PDB file of N, CA and C in Angstrom:
ATOM      1  N   UNK A   1     -98.662 -58.354  57.441  1.00  0.00           N
ATOM      2  CA  UNK A   1    -100.192 -58.283  56.627  1.00  0.00           C
ATOM      3  C   UNK A   1    -100.648 -59.348  56.195  1.00  0.00           C
ATOM      4  N   UNK A   2    -102.082 -59.483  55.868  1.00  0.00           N
ATOM      5  CA  UNK A   2    -102.642 -60.425  55.016  1.00  0.00           C
ATOM      6  C   UNK A   2    -103.063 -59.894  54.072  1.00  0.00           C
ATOM      7  N   UNK A   3    -102.836 -60.899  53.080  1.00  0.00           N
ATOM      8  CA  UNK A   3    -103.187 -60.540  51.551  1.00  0.00           C
ATOM      9  C   UNK A   3    -104.282 -61.922  51.145  1.00  0.00           C
ATOM     10  N   UNK A   4    -105.219 -61.223  50.512  1.00  0.00           N
ATOM     11  CA  UNK A   4    -106.299 -62.234  49.952  1.00  0.00           C
ATOM     12  C   UNK A   4    -106.503 -62.305  48.568  1.00  0.00           C
ATOM     13  N   UNK A   5    -106.265 -63.187  47.855  1.00  0.00           N
ATOM     14  CA  UNK A   5    -106.477 -63.667  46.206  1.00  0.00           C
ATOM     15  C   UNK A   5    -108.020 -64.495  46.229  1.00  0.00           C
ATOM     16  N   UNK A   6    -108.215 -64.001  45.119  1.00  0.00           N
ATOM     17  CA  UNK A   6    -109.406 -64.683  44.609  1.00  0.00           C
ATOM     18  C   UNK A   6    -109.627 -64.913  43.285  1.00  0.00           C
ATOM     19  N   UNK A   7    -110.154 -66.181  42.851  1.00  0.00           N
ATOM     20  CA  UNK A   7    -110.218 -66.500  41.874  1.00  0.00           C
ATOM     21  C   UNK A   7    -111.160 -66.947  41.270  1.00  0.00           C
ATOM     22  N   UNK A   8    -111.919 -66.741  40.131  1.00  0.00           N
ATOM     23  CA  UNK A   8    -113.216 -67.309  39.884  1.00  0.00           C
ATOM     24  C   UNK A   8    -113.522 -67.526  38.585  1.00  0.00           C
ATOM     25  N   UNK A   9    -114.234 -68.544  38.183  1.00  0.00           N
ATOM     26  CA  UNK A   9    -114.633 -68.854  36.727  1.00  0.00           C
ATOM     27  C   UNK A   9    -115.973 -69.875  36.640  1.00  0.00           C
ATOM     28  N   UNK A  10    -116.233 -69.544  35.501  1.00  0.00           N
ATOM     29  CA  UNK A  10    -117.570 -70.101  35.048  1.00  0.00           C
ATOM     30  C   UNK A  10    -117.577 -71.326  34.148  1.00  0.00           C
ATOM     31  N   UNK A  11    -118.158 -72.513  34.504  1.00  0.00           N
ATOM     32  CA  UNK A  11    -117.580 -73.460  33.727  1.00  0.00           C
ATOM     33  C   UNK A  11    -118.713 -73.525  32.502  1.00  0.00           C
ATOM     34  N   UNK A  12    -118.152 -74.118  31.401  1.00  0.00           N
ATOM     35  CA  UNK A  12    -118.999 -74.111  30.258  1.00  0.00           C
ATOM     36  C   UNK A  12    -119.942 -75.456  30.411  1.00  0.00           C
ATOM     37  N   UNK A  13    -121.281 -75.521  29.938  1.00  0.00           N
ATOM     38  CA  UNK A  13    -122.345 -76.010  30.165  1.00  0.00           C
ATOM     39  C   UNK A  13    -121.883 -77.712  30.116  1.00  0.00           C
ATOM     40  N   UNK A  14    -122.510 -77.882  31.413  1.00  0.00           N
ATOM     41  CA  UNK A  14    -121.954 -79.310  31.766  1.00  0.00           C
ATOM     42  C   UNK A  14    -120.771 -80.020  31.766  1.00  0.00           C
ATOM     43  N   UNK A  15    -120.064 -78.800  32.206  1.00  0.00           N
ATOM     44  CA  UNK A  15    -118.621 -79.168  32.800  1.00  0.00           C
ATOM     45  C   UNK A  15    -117.995 -78.664  34.017  1.00  0.00           C
ATOM     46  N   UNK A  16    -119.156 -78.279  35.065  1.00  0.00           N
ATOM     47  CA  UNK A  16    -119.217 -77.905  36.397  1.00  0.00           C
ATOM     48  C   UNK A  16    -118.190 -78.476  37.293  1.00  0.00           C
ATOM     49  N   UNK A  17    -118.777 -79.776  37.587  1.00  0.00           N
ATOM     50  CA  UNK A  17    -117.887 -80.963  38.166  1.00  0.00           C
ATOM     51  C   UNK A  17    -116.449 -81.094  37.674  1.00  0.00           C
ATOM     52  N   UNK A  18    -116.382 -80.715  36.253  1.00  0.00           N
ATOM     53  CA  UNK A  18    -114.649 -80.953  36.106  1.00  0.00           C
ATOM     54  C   UNK A  18    -113.972 -79.808  36.571  1.00  0.00           C
ATOM     55  N   UNK A  19    -114.675 -78.697  36.612  1.00  0.00           N
ATOM     56  CA  UNK A  19    -114.385 -77.180  36.784  1.00  0.00           C
ATOM     57  C   UNK A  19    -114.056 -77.159  38.055  1.00  0.00           C
ATOM     58  N   UNK A  20    -114.826 -77.775  38.838  1.00  0.00           N
ATOM     59  CA  UNK A  20    -114.455 -77.898  40.386  1.00  0.00           C
ATOM     60  C   UNK A  20    -113.454 -78.676  40.764  1.00  0.00           C
ATOM     61  N   UNK A  21    -112.918 -79.634  40.044  1.00  0.00           N
ATOM     62  CA  UNK A  21    -112.103 -80.928  40.257  1.00  0.00           C
ATOM     63  C   UNK A  21    -110.634 -80.358  39.712  1.00  0.00           C
ATOM     64  N   UNK A  22    -110.943 -79.462  38.307  1.00  0.00           N
ATOM     65  CA  UNK A  22    -109.783 -79.352  37.936  1.00  0.00           C
ATOM     66  C   UNK A  22    -109.444 -78.131  39.252  1.00  0.00           C
ATOM     67  N   UNK A  23    -110.127 -77.176  39.643  1.00  0.00           N
ATOM     68  CA  UNK A  23    -109.891 -76.055  40.528  1.00  0.00           C
ATOM     69  C   UNK A  23    -108.899 -76.517  41.950  1.00  0.00           C
ATOM     70  N   UNK A  24    -110.026 -77.612  42.494  1.00  0.00           N
ATOM     71  CA  UNK A  24    -109.134 -78.088  43.801  1.00  0.00           C
ATOM     72  C   UNK A  24    -107.546 -78.922  43.693  1.00  0.00           C
ATOM     73  N   UNK A  25    -107.234 -79.650  42.315  1.00  0.00           N
ATOM     74  CA  UNK A  25    -106.189 -80.086  42.170  1.00  0.00           C
ATOM     75  C   UNK A  25    -105.387 -79.202  42.021  1.00  0.00           C
ATOM     76  N   UNK A  26    -105.582 -77.843  41.179  1.00  0.00           N
ATOM     77  CA  UNK A  26    -104.460 -76.832  41.027  1.00  0.00           C
ATOM     78  C   UNK A  26    -103.988 -76.035  42.288  1.00  0.00           C
ATOM     79  N   UNK A  27    -105.383 -75.954  43.455  1.00  0.00           N
ATOM     80  CA  UNK A  27    -105.443 -75.279  44.554  1.00  0.00           C
ATOM     81  C   UNK A  27    -104.064 -75.861  45.476  1.00  0.00           C
ATOM     82  N   UNK A  28    -104.481 -77.061  45.224  1.00  0.00           N
ATOM     83  CA  UNK A  28    -103.224 -78.120  45.878  1.00  0.00           C
ATOM     84  C   UNK A  28    -101.976 -78.235  45.839  1.00  0.00           C
ATOM     85  N   UNK A  29    -101.513 -77.920  44.241  1.00  0.00           N
ATOM     86  CA  UNK A  29    -100.333 -77.952  43.513  1.00  0.00           C
ATOM     87  C   UNK A  29     -99.396 -76.315  43.865  1.00  0.00           C
ATOM     88  N   UNK A  30    -100.287 -75.517  44.396  1.00  0.00           N
ATOM     89  CA  UNK A  30     -99.382 -74.251  44.117  1.00  0.00           C
ATOM     90  C   UNK A  30     -98.295 -74.247  44.656  1.00  0.00           C
ATOM     91  N   UNK A  31     -97.265 -73.676  44.857  1.00  0.00           N
ATOM     92  CA  UNK A  31     -95.739 -73.536  44.728  1.00  0.00           C
ATOM     93  C   UNK A  31     -95.543 -73.011  46.078  1.00  0.00           C
ATOM     94  N   UNK A  32     -96.541 -72.363  46.694  1.00  0.00           N
ATOM     95  CA  UNK A  32     -95.998 -72.432  48.074  1.00  0.00           C
ATOM     96  C   UNK A  32     -97.552 -72.604  49.049  1.00  0.00           C
ATOM     97  N   UNK A  33     -97.255 -73.109  49.758  1.00  0.00           N
ATOM     98  CA  UNK A  33     -98.732 -73.227  51.099  1.00  0.00           C
ATOM     99  C   UNK A  33     -98.975 -71.524  51.639  1.00  0.00           C
ATOM    100  N   UNK A  34    -100.432 -71.702  51.412  1.00  0.00           N
ATOM    101  CA  UNK A  34    -101.210 -70.239  51.884  1.00  0.00           C
ATOM    102  C   UNK A  34    -101.315 -70.313  53.280  1.00  0.00           C
ATOM    103  N   UNK A  35    -101.342 -69.292  53.827  1.00  0.00           N
ATOM    104  CA  UNK A  35    -102.352 -69.377  55.424  1.00  0.00           C
ATOM    105  C   UNK A  35    -103.414 -70.208  55.412  1.00  0.00           C
ATOM    106  N   UNK A  36    -104.297 -70.127  54.209  1.00  0.00           N
ATOM    107  CA  UNK A  36    -105.506 -70.622  54.586  1.00  0.00           C
ATOM    108  C   UNK A  36    -106.042 -70.706  52.907  1.00  0.00           C
ATOM    109  N   UNK A  37    -107.020 -71.555  52.208  1.00  0.00           N
ATOM    110  CA  UNK A  37    -107.017 -71.653  51.248  1.00  0.00           C
ATOM    111  C   UNK A  37    -108.884 -72.067  51.347  1.00  0.00           C
ATOM    112  N   UNK A  38    -110.099 -71.837  50.396  1.00  0.00           N
ATOM    113  CA  UNK A  38    -111.199 -71.912  50.279  1.00  0.00           C
ATOM    114  C   UNK A  38    -111.699 -72.091  49.168  1.00  0.00           C
ATOM    115  N   UNK A  39    -112.403 -73.261  48.755  1.00  0.00           N
ATOM    116  CA  UNK A  39    -112.592 -73.413  47.596  1.00  0.00           C
ATOM    117  C   UNK A  39    -114.392 -73.682  47.737  1.00  0.00           C
ATOM    118  N   UNK A  40    -115.216 -72.812  46.954  1.00  0.00           N
ATOM    119  CA  UNK A  40    -116.531 -72.562  46.740  1.00  0.00           C
ATOM    120  C   UNK A  40    -117.170 -72.476  45.442  1.00  0.00           C
ATOM    121  N   UNK A  41    -118.776 -72.567  45.767  1.00  0.00           N
ATOM    122  CA  UNK A  41    -119.398 -72.882  44.089  1.00  0.00           C
ATOM    123  C   UNK A  41    -120.716 -72.194  44.487  1.00  0.00           C
ATOM    124  N   UNK A  42    -120.897 -71.904  43.426  1.00  0.00           N
ATOM    125  CA  UNK A  42    -122.319 -70.939  43.371  1.00  0.00           C
ATOM    126  C   UNK A  42    -123.261 -71.446  42.024  1.00  0.00           C
ATOM    127  N   UNK A  43    -124.371 -70.923  41.823  1.00  0.00           N
ATOM    128  CA  UNK A  43    -125.653 -71.718  40.665  1.00  0.00           C
ATOM    129  C   UNK A  43    -124.566 -70.833  39.325  1.00  0.00           C
ATOM    130  N   UNK A  44    -125.013 -71.758  38.454  1.00  0.00           N
ATOM    131  CA  UNK A  44    -124.442 -71.481  37.104  1.00  0.00           C
ATOM    132  C   UNK A  44    -122.939 -72.060  36.779  1.00  0.00           C
ATOM    133  N   UNK A  45    -122.886 -73.065  37.901  1.00  0.00           N
ATOM    134  CA  UNK A  45    -121.516 -73.856  37.646  1.00  0.00           C
ATOM    135  C   UNK A  45    -120.215 -72.660  37.781  1.00  0.00           C
ATOM    136  N   UNK A  46    -120.121 -71.988  39.010  1.00  0.00           N
ATOM    137  CA  UNK A  46    -118.993 -70.757  38.895  1.00  0.00           C
ATOM    138  C   UNK A  46    -118.597 -71.372  40.540  1.00  0.00           C
ATOM    139  N   UNK A  47    -117.229 -71.466  39.998  1.00  0.00           N
ATOM    140  CA  UNK A  47    -116.130 -71.931  41.201  1.00  0.00           C
ATOM    141  C   UNK A  47    -115.237 -70.539  41.586  1.00  0.00           C
ATOM    142  N   UNK A  48    -114.876 -70.545  42.763  1.00  0.00           N
ATOM    143  CA  UNK A  48    -114.267 -69.269  43.690  1.00  0.00           C
ATOM    144  C   UNK A  48    -113.034 -70.019  44.111  1.00  0.00           C
ATOM    145  N   UNK A  49    -111.879 -69.855  44.161  1.00  0.00           N
ATOM    146  CA  UNK A  49    -110.745 -70.142  45.401  1.00  0.00           C
ATOM    147  C   UNK A  49    -110.193 -68.545  45.825  1.00  0.00           C
ATOM    148  N   UNK A  50    -110.176 -69.089  47.270  1.00  0.00           N
ATOM    149  CA  UNK A  50    -109.871 -67.725  48.038  1.00  0.00           C
ATOM    150  C   UNK A  50    -108.531 -68.336  48.719  1.00  0.00           C
ATOM    151  N   UNK A  51    -107.492 -67.691  48.808  1.00  0.00           N
ATOM    152  CA  UNK A  51    -106.481 -68.269  49.507  1.00  0.00           C
ATOM    153  C   UNK A  51    -105.768 -66.485  50.019  1.00  0.00           C
ATOM    154  N   UNK A  52    -105.297 -66.591  51.076  1.00  0.00           N
ATOM    155  CA  UNK A  52    -104.763 -66.168  52.131  1.00  0.00           C
ATOM    156  C   UNK A  52    -103.353 -66.345  52.398  1.00  0.00           C
ATOM    157  N   UNK A  53    -102.498 -65.119  52.393  1.00  0.00           N
ATOM    158  CA  UNK A  53    -101.039 -65.240  52.444  1.00  0.00           C
ATOM    159  C   UNK A  53    -100.592 -63.956  53.507  1.00  0.00           C
ATOM    160  N   UNK A  54     -99.713 -64.575  54.027  1.00  0.00           N
ATOM    161  CA  UNK A  54     -98.789 -63.413  54.563  1.00  0.00           C
ATOM    162  C   UNK A  54     -97.683 -62.643  53.646  1.00  0.00           C
ATOM    163  N   UNK A  55     -98.279 -61.473  53.703  1.00  0.00           N
ATOM    164  CA  UNK A  55     -97.160 -60.920  52.500  1.00  0.00           C
ATOM    165  C   UNK A  55     -98.094 -59.372  52.335  1.00  0.00           C
ATOM    166  N   UNK A  56     -97.313 -58.407  51.780  1.00  0.00           N
ATOM    167  CA  UNK A  56     -97.273 -57.134  51.882  1.00  0.00           C
ATOM    168  C   UNK A  56     -98.297 -56.952  50.474  1.00  0.00           C
ATOM    169  N   UNK A  57     -99.029 -56.218  50.259  1.00  0.00           N
ATOM    170  CA  UNK A  57     -99.753 -55.842  49.162  1.00  0.00           C
ATOM    171  C   UNK A  57     -98.954 -55.631  47.809  1.00  0.00           C
ATOM    172  N   UNK A  58     -97.821 -55.155  48.227  1.00  0.00           N
ATOM    173  CA  UNK A  58     -96.925 -55.067  47.091  1.00  0.00           C
ATOM    174  C   UNK A  58     -95.945 -56.069  46.474  1.00  0.00           C
ATOM    175  N   UNK A  59     -96.121 -57.801  46.899  1.00  0.00           N
ATOM    176  CA  UNK A  59     -95.676 -59.138  47.062  1.00  0.00           C
ATOM    177  C   UNK A  59     -96.601 -59.759  45.871  1.00  0.00           C
ATOM    178  N   UNK A  60     -97.568 -58.845  45.648  1.00  0.00           N
ATOM    179  CA  UNK A  60     -98.525 -60.008  44.796  1.00  0.00           C
ATOM    180  C   UNK A  60     -97.930 -60.836  43.681  1.00  0.00           C
ATOM    181  N   UNK A  61     -97.428 -59.889  42.968  1.00  0.00           N
ATOM    182  CA  UNK A  61     -96.798 -60.738  41.962  1.00  0.00           C
ATOM    183  C   UNK A  61     -95.951 -61.883  41.941  1.00  0.00           C
ATOM    184  N   UNK A  62     -95.478 -62.277  43.413  1.00  0.00           N
ATOM    185  CA  UNK A  62     -94.661 -63.005  43.901  1.00  0.00           C
ATOM    186  C   UNK A  62     -95.638 -64.061  44.431  1.00  0.00           C
ATOM    187  N   UNK A  63     -96.635 -63.945  44.345  1.00  0.00           N
ATOM    188  CA  UNK A  63     -97.472 -64.989  45.200  1.00  0.00           C
ATOM    189  C   UNK A  63     -98.079 -66.122  44.062  1.00  0.00           C
ATOM    190  N   UNK A  64     -98.133 -67.125  44.277  1.00  0.00           N
ATOM    191  CA  UNK A  64     -98.762 -68.042  43.459  1.00  0.00           C
ATOM    192  C   UNK A  64    -100.234 -68.117  43.128  1.00  0.00           C
ATOM    193  N   UNK A  65    -100.857 -68.022  41.821  1.00  0.00           N
ATOM    194  CA  UNK A  65    -102.243 -68.043  41.565  1.00  0.00           C
ATOM    195  C   UNK A  65    -102.260 -69.468  40.488  1.00  0.00           C
ATOM    196  N   UNK A  66    -103.659 -69.629  40.658  1.00  0.00           N
ATOM    197  CA  UNK A  66    -104.257 -70.822  39.927  1.00  0.00           C
ATOM    198  C   UNK A  66    -104.123 -70.180  38.110  1.00  0.00           C
ATOM    199  N   UNK A  67    -103.752 -71.279  37.496  1.00  0.00           N
ATOM    200  CA  UNK A  67    -103.781 -70.447  36.205  1.00  0.00           C
ATOM    201  C   UNK A  67    -105.449 -70.739  35.396  1.00  0.00           C
ATOM    202  N   UNK A  68    -105.262 -70.213  34.060  1.00  0.00           N
ATOM    203  CA  UNK A  68    -106.155 -70.346  33.593  1.00  0.00           C
ATOM    204  C   UNK A  68    -106.982 -71.857  32.943  1.00  0.00           C
ATOM    205  N   UNK A  69    -107.932 -72.307  33.223  1.00  0.00           N
ATOM    206  CA  UNK A  69    -108.294 -73.546  32.697  1.00  0.00           C
ATOM    207  C   UNK A  69    -108.183 -73.621  31.319  1.00  0.00           C
ATOM    208  N   UNK A  70    -108.314 -74.665  30.650  1.00  0.00           N
ATOM    209  CA  UNK A  70    -108.408 -74.613  29.194  1.00  0.00           C
ATOM    210  C   UNK A  70    -109.839 -73.951  28.746  1.00  0.00           C
ATOM    211  N   UNK A  71    -109.791 -73.440  27.531  1.00  0.00           N
ATOM    212  CA  UNK A  71    -110.773 -72.575  27.193  1.00  0.00           C
ATOM    213  C   UNK A  71    -112.049 -73.376  26.858  1.00  0.00           C
ATOM    214  N   UNK A  72    -111.890 -74.639  26.643  1.00  0.00           N
ATOM    215  CA  UNK A  72    -113.102 -75.261  26.678  1.00  0.00           C
ATOM    216  C   UNK A  72    -114.049 -75.549  27.657  1.00  0.00           C
ATOM    217  N   UNK A  73    -113.186 -75.377  28.934  1.00  0.00           N
ATOM    218  CA  UNK A  73    -113.978 -75.869  30.116  1.00  0.00           C
ATOM    219  C   UNK A  73    -114.614 -74.462  30.863  1.00  0.00           C
ATOM    220  N   UNK A  74    -114.749 -73.163  30.517  1.00  0.00           N
ATOM    221  CA  UNK A  74    -114.965 -72.129  30.961  1.00  0.00           C
ATOM    222  C   UNK A  74    -115.891 -71.249  29.831  1.00  0.00           C
ATOM    223  N   UNK A  75    -116.470 -70.692  30.182  1.00  0.00           N
ATOM    224  CA  UNK A  75    -117.475 -69.795  29.014  1.00  0.00           C
ATOM    225  C   UNK A  75    -116.828 -68.501  28.881  1.00  0.00           C
ATOM    226  N   UNK A  76    -115.690 -67.808  29.769  1.00  0.00           N
ATOM    227  CA  UNK A  76    -115.214 -66.382  29.646  1.00  0.00           C
ATOM    228  C   UNK A  76    -113.742 -66.595  30.394  1.00  0.00           C
ATOM    229  N   UNK A  77    -113.226 -65.765  30.087  1.00  0.00           N
ATOM    230  CA  UNK A  77    -111.622 -65.630  31.229  1.00  0.00           C
ATOM    231  C   UNK A  77    -111.630 -65.821  32.759  1.00  0.00           C
ATOM    232  N   UNK A  78    -110.946 -66.104  33.236  1.00  0.00           N
ATOM    233  CA  UNK A  78    -111.345 -65.936  34.777  1.00  0.00           C
ATOM    234  C   UNK A  78    -110.961 -64.578  35.393  1.00  0.00           C
ATOM    235  N   UNK A  79    -112.099 -64.531  36.490  1.00  0.00           N
ATOM    236  CA  UNK A  79    -111.987 -63.009  36.946  1.00  0.00           C
ATOM    237  C   UNK A  79    -110.928 -63.506  38.392  1.00  0.00           C
ATOM    238  N   UNK A  80    -110.001 -62.561  38.265  1.00  0.00           N
ATOM    239  CA  UNK A  80    -109.034 -62.313  39.558  1.00  0.00           C
ATOM    240  C   UNK A  80    -109.045 -60.983  40.389  1.00  0.00           C
ATOM    241  N   UNK A  81    -109.196 -61.024  41.717  1.00  0.00           N
ATOM    242  CA  UNK A  81    -109.174 -59.558  42.486  1.00  0.00           C
ATOM    243  C   UNK A  81    -108.444 -60.125  43.570  1.00  0.00           C
ATOM    244  N   UNK A  82    -107.514 -58.887  44.166  1.00  0.00           N
ATOM    245  CA  UNK A  82    -106.531 -58.910  44.853  1.00  0.00           C
ATOM    246  C   UNK A  82    -106.929 -57.999  46.167  1.00  0.00           C
ATOM    247  N   UNK A  83    -106.663 -58.158  47.369  1.00  0.00           N
ATOM    248  CA  UNK A  83    -107.198 -57.524  48.300  1.00  0.00           C
ATOM    249  C   UNK A  83    -106.462 -57.566  49.719  1.00  0.00           C
ATOM    250  N   UNK A  84    -106.468 -56.631  50.364  1.00  0.00           N
ATOM    251  CA  UNK A  84    -105.386 -56.422  51.588  1.00  0.00           C
ATOM    252  C   UNK A  84    -106.394 -56.583  52.543  1.00  0.00           C
ATOM    253  N   UNK A  85    -106.432 -57.331  53.955  1.00  0.00           N
ATOM    254  CA  UNK A  85    -106.833 -57.439  54.937  1.00  0.00           C
ATOM    255  C   UNK A  85    -106.788 -56.415  55.887  1.00  0.00           C
ATOM    256  N   UNK A  86    -108.229 -55.916  56.243  1.00  0.00           N
ATOM    257  CA  UNK A  86    -108.029 -54.667  57.536  1.00  0.00           C
ATOM    258  C   UNK A  86    -109.011 -55.412  58.541  1.00  0.00           C
ATOM    259  N   UNK A  87    -108.706 -56.426  58.688  1.00  0.00           N
ATOM    260  CA  UNK A  87    -109.180 -57.338  59.870  1.00  0.00           C
ATOM    261  C   UNK A  87    -110.806 -57.720  60.009  1.00  0.00           C
ATOM    262  N   UNK A  88    -111.234 -57.773  61.054  1.00  0.00           N
ATOM    263  CA  UNK A  88    -112.812 -58.074  61.221  1.00  0.00           C
ATOM    264  C   UNK A  88    -113.772 -57.077  60.753  1.00  0.00           C
ATOM    265  N   UNK A  89    -114.796 -57.147  60.578  1.00  0.00           N
ATOM    266  CA  UNK A  89    -115.752 -56.341  59.925  1.00  0.00           C
ATOM    267  C   UNK A  89    -116.477 -55.650  60.835  1.00  0.00           C
ATOM    268  N   UNK A  90    -116.381 -56.478  62.140  1.00  0.00           N
ATOM    269  CA  UNK A  90    -117.578 -55.995  63.247  1.00  0.00           C
ATOM    270  C   UNK A  90    -116.684 -55.383  64.124  1.00  0.00           C
ATOM    271  N   UNK A  91    -115.514 -54.528  64.082  1.00  0.00           N
ATOM    272  CA  UNK A  91    -115.039 -53.802  64.983  1.00  0.00           C
ATOM    273  C   UNK A  91    -113.638 -53.865  64.982  1.00  0.00           C
TER     274      UNK A  91
END
């Protein structure tokens, strides 16, 4: 089974580039290497990190996740979501 973890944060004013680089560095330092990972950004200095893992859904507590950045770097607590892959959307 494949499990996807999503980590999303919104940078404090003027700290978008710093948050992006912070997330890139933390993703490279995970205790285990995911099957795949992707770093994305969106307007309002939002940063999203997606990681895919070969794991059962109930193993999620054992999967490494990005930590919270320093409070001064973000506007609110990090949002995290966990999903079980059901395969391609088109069929």
